Amino acid sequence: MRFSTLTLAAVFAFSAAQALAAPAEAPPPDLRPAPALNPRPDEVVTGVPIAYYTLALTWTPEWCRSGGSGASAKEMECARPLGFTLHGLWPDGAHPPYPGFCKPAGPLDLATVRAMWRRTPSAVLLQHEWQKHGTCAAWPDARAYFAQSAKLFDRIAIPKVEAIPPGDLTAGAVRAAFLAKNPWLRREEIFVQSLRGRDDALSEVRICYDLRFQPAACPGGDGAPDRVHLTLAPSRTGAF
């Protein structure tokens, strides 16, 4: 059966809308898109072939404690109880420099910001991720980029890392917790980022994917070795 271009566009739009549908929690009524960024010339990196994709999940209490990266603590809705949230989906090259700010982009539309807010509770960070990372791959627009991000993020069952006793909290324990909840992953596909020089605080967990968005071993290694003991910034409720 052949589909017209219009029909295919309608199917894609419907699929993207489904993928962006967030879990039930109303965003704040005053939520607005952030202004477009004006990157420095040294931040613009184009022409880098994409070797793999990285889905970054931030341990948000640490982001809020340390002031974040790309969005301030205030911009990350830190007054709310948060655990892991979606940092972003990154097209990465085989080695540095990694692609960034590949094409000019304006501000996101309000519908996209509202749809993604439950996963990424920061309009500033959403704008940053689209401009820096989303413009560097073949997504036709921001809605398609965030639909892919949401699809990957929503598949991951997030473990409660605060349930791990502090004396047992190692990078290996964090990996094991993610593996226990997501048996379709392998250990080498889970990158654990700790902040060296800051008591090895747990910062992020990243999942690596190949060019077909299938989980794949992280080309640069899997981050903190299993034996490394981590510290954990507490969430507001201790329930994450």
C-alpha atoms as a PDB file:
ATOM      1  CA  MET A   1       0.000   0.000   0.000  1.00  0.00           C
ATOM      2  CA  ARG A   2       1.306   3.453  -0.895  1.00  0.00           C
ATOM      3  CA  PHE A   3       0.800   6.460   1.360  1.00  0.00           C
ATOM      4  CA  SER A   4       0.721  10.042   0.207  1.00  0.00           C
ATOM      5  CA  THR A   5       3.185  12.521   1.657  1.00  0.00           C
ATOM      6  CA  LEU A   6       0.304  14.170   3.523  1.00  0.00           C
ATOM      7  CA  THR A   7      -0.788  10.837   5.023  1.00  0.00           C
ATOM      8  CA  LEU A   8       2.741   9.994   6.147  1.00  0.00           C
ATOM      9  CA  ALA A   9       3.090  13.413   7.719  1.00  0.00           C
ATOM     10  CA  ALA A  10      -0.159  12.908   9.612  1.00  0.00           C
ATOM     11  CA  VAL A  11       0.958   9.478  10.859  1.00  0.00           C
ATOM     12  CA  PHE A  12       4.301  10.887  11.993  1.00  0.00           C
ATOM     13  CA  ALA A  13       2.628  13.804  13.753  1.00  0.00           C
ATOM     14  CA  PHE A  14       0.268  11.426  15.584  1.00  0.00           C
ATOM     15  CA  SER A  15       3.159   9.157  16.635  1.00  0.00           C
ATOM     16  CA  ALA A  16       5.202  12.111  17.847  1.00  0.00           C
ATOM     17  CA  ALA A  17       2.257  13.409  19.862  1.00  0.00           C
ATOM     18  CA  GLN A  18       1.827   9.980  21.473  1.00  0.00           C
ATOM     19  CA  ALA A  19       5.517   9.771  22.340  1.00  0.00           C
ATOM     20  CA  LEU A  20       5.463  13.238  23.895  1.00  0.00           C
ATOM     21  CA  ALA A  21       2.476  12.449  26.082  1.00  0.00           C
ATOM     22  CA  ALA A  22       3.864  12.730  29.599  1.00  0.00           C
ATOM     23  CA  PRO A  23       2.741  11.009  32.804  1.00  0.00           C
ATOM     24  CA  ALA A  24      -0.142  12.790  34.499  1.00  0.00           C
ATOM     25  CA  GLU A  25       1.187  15.790  36.399  1.00  0.00           C
ATOM     26  CA  ALA A  26       0.163  19.257  35.392  1.00  0.00           C
ATOM     27  CA  PRO A  27       2.995  21.675  34.612  1.00  0.00           C
ATOM     28  CA  PRO A  28       2.867  25.033  36.400  1.00  0.00           C
ATOM     29  CA  PRO A  29       0.345  27.426  34.860  1.00  0.00           C
ATOM     30  CA  ASP A  30       3.000  30.088  34.320  1.00  0.00           C
ATOM     31  CA  LEU A  31       5.338  27.748  32.412  1.00  0.00           C
ATOM     32  CA  ARG A  32       6.709  29.442  29.310  1.00  0.00           C
ATOM     33  CA  PRO A  33       9.347  28.561  26.693  1.00  0.00           C
ATOM     34  CA  ALA A  34      12.842  29.851  27.327  1.00  0.00           C
ATOM     35  CA  PRO A  35      14.496  32.277  24.916  1.00  0.00           C
ATOM     36  CA  ALA A  36      16.708  30.862  22.198  1.00  0.00           C
ATOM     37  CA  LEU A  37      20.375  30.596  23.109  1.00  0.00           C
ATOM     38  CA  ASN A  38      23.158  32.508  21.406  1.00  0.00           C
ATOM     39  CA  PRO A  39      26.083  30.044  21.486  1.00  0.00           C
ATOM     40  CA  ARG A  40      29.666  31.207  21.436  1.00  0.00           C
ATOM     41  CA  PRO A  41      31.553  30.473  18.202  1.00  0.00           C
ATOM     42  CA  ASP A  42      33.717  27.878  19.984  1.00  0.00           C
ATOM     43  CA  GLU A  43      30.575  25.976  21.034  1.00  0.00           C
ATOM     44  CA  VAL A  44      29.463  25.394  17.436  1.00  0.00           C
ATOM     45  CA  VAL A  45      30.809  22.051  16.200  1.00  0.00           C
ATOM     46  CA  THR A  46      29.486  20.830  12.845  1.00  0.00           C
ATOM     47  CA  GLY A  47      30.407  18.131  10.333  1.00  0.00           C
ATOM     48  CA  VAL A  48      31.074  15.413  12.933  1.00  0.00           C
ATOM     49  CA  PRO A  49      29.731  11.989  11.873  1.00  0.00           C
ATOM     50  CA  ILE A  50      27.401  10.503  14.487  1.00  0.00           C
ATOM     51  CA  ALA A  51      28.805   7.268  15.944  1.00  0.00           C
ATOM     52  CA  TYR A  52      26.251   6.592  18.696  1.00  0.00           C
ATOM     53  CA  TYR A  53      23.614   8.240  20.896  1.00  0.00           C
ATOM     54  CA  THR A  54      23.637   8.883  24.632  1.00  0.00           C
ATOM     55  CA  LEU A  55      20.542   9.242  26.804  1.00  0.00           C
ATOM     56  CA  ALA A  56      21.526  11.148  29.947  1.00  0.00           C
ATOM     57  CA  LEU A  57      19.540  10.794  33.176  1.00  0.00           C
ATOM     58  CA  THR A  58      20.502  13.352  35.815  1.00  0.00           C
ATOM     59  CA  TRP A  59      20.353  12.677  39.553  1.00  0.00           C
ATOM     60  CA  THR A  60      18.510  15.943  40.028  1.00  0.00           C
ATOM     61  CA  PRO A  61      19.197  16.483  43.765  1.00  0.00           C
ATOM     62  CA  GLU A  62      22.920  16.718  42.904  1.00  0.00           C
ATOM     63  CA  TRP A  63      22.171  19.047  39.985  1.00  0.00           C
ATOM     64  CA  CYS A  64      20.191  21.269  42.352  1.00  0.00           C
ATOM     65  CA  ARG A  65      22.812  21.084  45.116  1.00  0.00           C
ATOM     66  CA  SER A  66      25.683  22.054  42.851  1.00  0.00           C
ATOM     67  CA  GLY A  67      23.866  24.592  40.684  1.00  0.00           C
ATOM     68  CA  GLY A  68      23.451  22.421  37.609  1.00  0.00           C
ATOM     69  CA  SER A  69      25.083  22.536  34.219  1.00  0.00           C
ATOM     70  CA  GLY A  70      23.288  24.406  31.465  1.00  0.00           C
ATOM     71  CA  ALA A  71      20.418  25.397  33.748  1.00  0.00           C
ATOM     72  CA  SER A  72      20.543  26.856  37.232  1.00  0.00           C
ATOM     73  CA  ALA A  73      19.021  25.198  40.276  1.00  0.00           C
ATOM     74  CA  LYS A  74      16.191  27.721  40.218  1.00  0.00           C
ATOM     75  CA  GLU A  75      15.416  26.860  36.608  1.00  0.00           C
ATOM     76  CA  MET A  76      15.229  23.127  37.435  1.00  0.00           C
ATOM     77  CA  GLU A  77      12.136  23.362  39.691  1.00  0.00           C
ATOM     78  CA  CYS A  78      14.257  22.289  42.653  1.00  0.00           C
ATOM     79  CA  ALA A  79      11.555  23.080  45.181  1.00  0.00           C
ATOM     80  CA  ARG A  80       9.790  19.916  44.019  1.00  0.00           C
ATOM     81  CA  PRO A  81      10.736  16.378  45.074  1.00  0.00           C
ATOM     82  CA  LEU A  82      12.764  14.965  42.175  1.00  0.00           C
ATOM     83  CA  GLY A  83      14.988  11.942  41.583  1.00  0.00           C
ATOM     84  CA  PHE A  84      16.325  11.034  38.139  1.00  0.00           C
ATOM     85  CA  THR A  85      15.102  13.305  35.367  1.00  0.00           C
ATOM     86  CA  LEU A  86      15.840  13.412  31.662  1.00  0.00           C
ATOM     87  CA  HIS A  87      18.869  15.565  30.876  1.00  0.00           C
ATOM     88  CA  GLY A  88      18.821  14.903  27.151  1.00  0.00           C
ATOM     89  CA  LEU A  89      19.509  12.747  24.120  1.00  0.00           C
ATOM     90  CA  TRP A  90      22.904  13.408  22.546  1.00  0.00           C
ATOM     91  CA  PRO A  91      24.204  12.467  19.093  1.00  0.00           C
ATOM     92  CA  ASP A  92      27.886  11.777  19.763  1.00  0.00           C
ATOM     93  CA  GLY A  93      30.929  11.355  17.562  1.00  0.00           C
ATOM     94  CA  ALA A  94      33.477   8.606  18.003  1.00  0.00           C
ATOM     95  CA  HIS A  95      35.730  11.014  19.916  1.00  0.00           C
ATOM     96  CA  PRO A  96      35.903  14.707  20.851  1.00  0.00           C
ATOM     97  CA  PRO A  97      35.044  17.254  19.707  1.00  0.00           C
ATOM     98  CA  TYR A  98      31.413  16.213  19.866  1.00  0.00           C
ATOM     99  CA  PRO A  99      28.774  17.890  17.684  1.00  0.00           C
ATOM    100  CA  GLY A 100      26.956  20.895  19.098  1.00  0.00           C
ATOM    101  CA  PHE A 101      24.717  23.745  17.961  1.00  0.00           C
ATOM    102  CA  CYS A 102      24.815  22.402  14.426  1.00  0.00           C
ATOM    103  CA  LYS A 103      22.037  24.576  12.976  1.00  0.00           C
ATOM    104  CA  PRO A 104      20.325  27.802  13.994  1.00  0.00           C
ATOM    105  CA  ALA A 105      17.145  27.235  16.002  1.00  0.00           C
ATOM    106  CA  GLY A 106      14.523  29.457  17.570  1.00  0.00           C
ATOM    107  CA  PRO A 107      12.636  29.033  20.836  1.00  0.00           C
ATOM    108  CA  LEU A 108      10.555  25.919  21.454  1.00  0.00           C
ATOM    109  CA  ASP A 109       6.792  26.078  21.232  1.00  0.00           C
ATOM    110  CA  LEU A 110       4.812  26.003  24.481  1.00  0.00           C
ATOM    111  CA  ALA A 111       3.105  22.683  23.697  1.00  0.00           C
ATOM    112  CA  THR A 112       6.466  20.885  23.454  1.00  0.00           C
ATOM    113  CA  VAL A 113       7.769  22.466  26.670  1.00  0.00           C
ATOM    114  CA  ARG A 114       4.610  21.484  28.541  1.00  0.00           C
ATOM    115  CA  ALA A 115       4.640  17.939  27.158  1.00  0.00           C
ATOM    116  CA  MET A 116       8.267  17.372  28.209  1.00  0.00           C
ATOM    117  CA  TRP A 117       8.154  19.207  31.543  1.00  0.00           C
ATOM    118  CA  ARG A 118       7.362  16.083  33.591  1.00  0.00           C
ATOM    119  CA  ARG A 119      10.528  14.445  32.262  1.00  0.00           C
ATOM    120  CA  THR A 120      12.723  17.559  32.116  1.00  0.00           C
ATOM    121  CA  PRO A 121      11.353  20.177  34.524  1.00  0.00           C
ATOM    122  CA  SER A 122      13.251  23.109  33.068  1.00  0.00           C
ATOM    123  CA  ALA A 123      12.286  25.172  30.042  1.00  0.00           C
ATOM    124  CA  VAL A 124      15.871  26.452  29.884  1.00  0.00           C
ATOM    125  CA  LEU A 125      17.353  22.963  29.768  1.00  0.00           C
ATOM    126  CA  LEU A 126      14.849  21.826  27.123  1.00  0.00           C
ATOM    127  CA  GLN A 127      15.833  24.774  24.941  1.00  0.00           C
ATOM    128  CA  HIS A 128      19.525  24.008  25.492  1.00  0.00           C
ATOM    129  CA  GLU A 129      19.142  20.330  24.598  1.00  0.00           C
ATOM    130  CA  TRP A 130      17.269  21.042  21.375  1.00  0.00           C
ATOM    131  CA  GLN A 131      19.687  23.702  20.205  1.00  0.00           C
ATOM    132  CA  LYS A 132      22.930  21.996  21.219  1.00  0.00           C
ATOM    133  CA  HIS A 133      22.083  18.360  20.519  1.00  0.00           C
ATOM    134  CA  GLY A 134      18.804  18.002  18.651  1.00  0.00           C
ATOM    135  CA  THR A 135      19.963  20.134  15.735  1.00  0.00           C
ATOM    136  CA  CYS A 136      22.921  17.809  15.117  1.00  0.00           C
ATOM    137  CA  ALA A 137      21.020  14.774  13.771  1.00  0.00           C
ATOM    138  CA  ALA A 138      18.314  14.038  11.234  1.00  0.00           C
ATOM    139  CA  TRP A 139      15.271  14.970  13.310  1.00  0.00           C
ATOM    140  CA  PRO A 140      13.165  17.306  11.162  1.00  0.00           C
ATOM    141  CA  ASP A 141      12.118  19.483  14.094  1.00  0.00           C
ATOM    142  CA  ALA A 142      12.100  19.802  17.871  1.00  0.00           C
ATOM    143  CA  ARG A 143       8.913  17.783  18.272  1.00  0.00           C
ATOM    144  CA  ALA A 144      10.503  14.786  16.548  1.00  0.00           C
ATOM    145  CA  TYR A 145      13.664  15.115  18.650  1.00  0.00           C
ATOM    146  CA  PHE A 146      11.748  15.186  21.911  1.00  0.00           C
ATOM    147  CA  ALA A 147       9.457  12.373  20.769  1.00  0.00           C
ATOM    148  CA  GLN A 148      12.542  10.164  20.360  1.00  0.00           C
ATOM    149  CA  SER A 149      13.931  11.328  23.700  1.00  0.00           C
ATOM    150  CA  ALA A 150      10.640  10.615  25.443  1.00  0.00           C
ATOM    151  CA  LYS A 151      10.305   7.178  23.867  1.00  0.00           C
ATOM    152  CA  LEU A 152      13.733   6.097  25.100  1.00  0.00           C
ATOM    153  CA  PHE A 153      13.341   7.666  28.542  1.00  0.00           C
ATOM    154  CA  ASP A 154       9.878   6.244  29.164  1.00  0.00           C
ATOM    155  CA  ARG A 155      11.080   2.706  28.481  1.00  0.00           C
ATOM    156  CA  ILE A 156      13.587   2.847  31.344  1.00  0.00           C
ATOM    157  CA  ALA A 157      12.349   1.689  34.727  1.00  0.00           C
ATOM    158  CA  ILE A 158      14.067   3.921  37.263  1.00  0.00           C
ATOM    159  CA  PRO A 159      15.339   2.121  40.385  1.00  0.00           C
ATOM    160  CA  LYS A 160      15.242   3.685  43.845  1.00  0.00           C
ATOM    161  CA  VAL A 161      18.910   4.382  44.444  1.00  0.00           C
ATOM    162  CA  GLU A 162      18.121   5.997  47.797  1.00  0.00           C
ATOM    163  CA  ALA A 163      17.153   2.510  49.001  1.00  0.00           C
ATOM    164  CA  ILE A 164      20.785   1.392  48.651  1.00  0.00           C
ATOM    165  CA  PRO A 165      22.513   1.665  52.076  1.00  0.00           C
ATOM    166  CA  PRO A 166      25.137   4.440  51.964  1.00  0.00           C
ATOM    167  CA  GLY A 167      27.925   1.985  52.809  1.00  0.00           C
ATOM    168  CA  ASP A 168      26.942  -0.161  49.833  1.00  0.00           C
ATOM    169  CA  LEU A 169      26.461   2.680  47.365  1.00  0.00           C
ATOM    170  CA  THR A 170      29.031   2.021  44.660  1.00  0.00           C
ATOM    171  CA  ALA A 171      28.968   2.612  40.926  1.00  0.00           C
ATOM    172  CA  GLY A 172      28.510  -1.152  40.577  1.00  0.00           C
ATOM    173  CA  ALA A 173      25.496  -1.076  42.896  1.00  0.00           C
ATOM    174  CA  VAL A 174      23.901   1.670  40.806  1.00  0.00           C
ATOM    175  CA  ARG A 175      24.495  -0.340  37.624  1.00  0.00           C
ATOM    176  CA  ALA A 176      23.097  -3.452  39.274  1.00  0.00           C
ATOM    177  CA  ALA A 177      19.985  -1.532  40.351  1.00  0.00           C
ATOM    178  CA  PHE A 178      19.351  -0.373  36.783  1.00  0.00           C
ATOM    179  CA  LEU A 179      19.991  -3.878  35.431  1.00  0.00           C
ATOM    180  CA  ALA A 180      17.574  -5.424  37.918  1.00  0.00           C
ATOM    181  CA  LYS A 181      14.781  -3.115  36.742  1.00  0.00           C
ATOM    182  CA  ASN A 182      15.787  -3.255  33.068  1.00  0.00           C
ATOM    183  CA  PRO A 183      16.930  -6.786  32.177  1.00  0.00           C
ATOM    184  CA  TRP A 184      17.032  -5.830  28.492  1.00  0.00           C
ATOM    185  CA  LEU A 185      20.143  -3.740  29.227  1.00  0.00           C
ATOM    186  CA  ARG A 186      23.718  -4.961  29.678  1.00  0.00           C
ATOM    187  CA  ARG A 187      26.263  -3.650  32.155  1.00  0.00           C
ATOM    188  CA  GLU A 188      28.494  -2.142  29.449  1.00  0.00           C
ATOM    189  CA  GLU A 189      25.567  -0.071  28.149  1.00  0.00           C
ATOM    190  CA  ILE A 190      25.223   1.827  31.431  1.00  0.00           C
ATOM    191  CA  PHE A 191      27.591   4.742  32.058  1.00  0.00           C
ATOM    192  CA  VAL A 192      27.721   5.981  35.666  1.00  0.00           C
ATOM    193  CA  GLN A 193      29.069   9.497  36.113  1.00  0.00           C
ATOM    194  CA  SER A 194      30.476  10.555  39.460  1.00  0.00           C
ATOM    195  CA  LEU A 195      31.905  13.957  40.274  1.00  0.00           C
ATOM    196  CA  ARG A 196      35.535  13.360  41.098  1.00  0.00           C
ATOM    197  CA  GLY A 197      36.820  15.965  43.504  1.00  0.00           C
ATOM    198  CA  ARG A 198      33.312  16.275  44.958  1.00  0.00           C
ATOM    199  CA  ASP A 199      33.314  13.102  47.079  1.00  0.00           C
ATOM    200  CA  ASP A 200      32.463  11.045  43.985  1.00  0.00           C
ATOM    201  CA  ALA A 201      28.900  12.334  44.110  1.00  0.00           C
ATOM    202  CA  LEU A 202      26.517  10.487  41.793  1.00  0.00           C
ATOM    203  CA  SER A 203      25.747  12.906  38.989  1.00  0.00           C
ATOM    204  CA  GLU A 204      24.200  11.004  36.077  1.00  0.00           C
ATOM    205  CA  VAL A 205      23.433   7.614  34.615  1.00  0.00           C
ATOM    206  CA  ARG A 206      23.700   7.445  30.835  1.00  0.00           C
ATOM    207  CA  ILE A 207      22.441   4.743  28.482  1.00  0.00           C
ATOM    208  CA  CYS A 208      24.228   4.291  25.156  1.00  0.00           C
ATOM    209  CA  TYR A 209      22.519   3.406  21.868  1.00  0.00           C
ATOM    210  CA  ASP A 210      23.619   2.553  18.363  1.00  0.00           C
ATOM    211  CA  LEU A 211      22.450   4.414  15.260  1.00  0.00           C
ATOM    212  CA  ARG A 212      19.200   2.423  15.242  1.00  0.00           C
ATOM    213  CA  PHE A 213      18.505   3.402  18.855  1.00  0.00           C
ATOM    214  CA  GLN A 214      19.244  -0.081  20.128  1.00  0.00           C
ATOM    215  CA  PRO A 215      21.216  -0.308  23.408  1.00  0.00           C
ATOM    216  CA  ALA A 216      24.930  -0.640  22.748  1.00  0.00           C
ATOM    217  CA  ALA A 217      28.176  -0.676  24.712  1.00  0.00           C
ATOM    218  CA  CYS A 218      29.313   2.843  25.544  1.00  0.00           C
ATOM    219  CA  PRO A 219      32.288   3.529  23.231  1.00  0.00           C
ATOM    220  CA  GLY A 220      34.148   5.607  25.794  1.00  0.00           C
ATOM    221  CA  GLY A 221      33.782   3.056  28.600  1.00  0.00           C
ATOM    222  CA  ASP A 222      31.170   2.837  31.320  1.00  0.00           C
ATOM    223  CA  GLY A 223      32.272   5.667  33.588  1.00  0.00           C
ATOM    224  CA  ALA A 224      33.068   5.169  37.251  1.00  0.00           C
ATOM    225  CA  PRO A 225      34.437   1.657  37.954  1.00  0.00           C
ATOM    226  CA  ASP A 226      32.152  -0.675  39.901  1.00  0.00           C
ATOM    227  CA  ARG A 227      34.327  -0.485  43.018  1.00  0.00           C
ATOM    228  CA  VAL A 228      34.052   3.312  43.421  1.00  0.00           C
ATOM    229  CA  HIS A 229      32.014   4.343  46.456  1.00  0.00           C
ATOM    230  CA  LEU A 230      29.595   7.160  45.703  1.00  0.00           C
ATOM    231  CA  THR A 231      27.907   9.842  47.755  1.00  0.00           C
ATOM    232  CA  LEU A 232      24.317  10.754  47.069  1.00  0.00           C
ATOM    233  CA  ALA A 233      22.685  14.149  47.430  1.00  0.00           C
ATOM    234  CA  PRO A 234      19.359  13.399  49.160  1.00  0.00           C
ATOM    235  CA  SER A 235      16.056  14.100  47.514  1.00  0.00           C
ATOM    236  CA  ARG A 236      13.377  16.077  49.347  1.00  0.00           C
ATOM    237  CA  THR A 237      11.423  12.942  50.264  1.00  0.00           C
ATOM    238  CA  GLY A 238      14.007  10.155  50.258  1.00  0.00           C
ATOM    239  CA  ALA A 239      11.648   8.167  48.046  1.00  0.00           C
ATOM    240  CA  PHE A 240      13.829   7.986  44.943  1.00  0.00           C
END
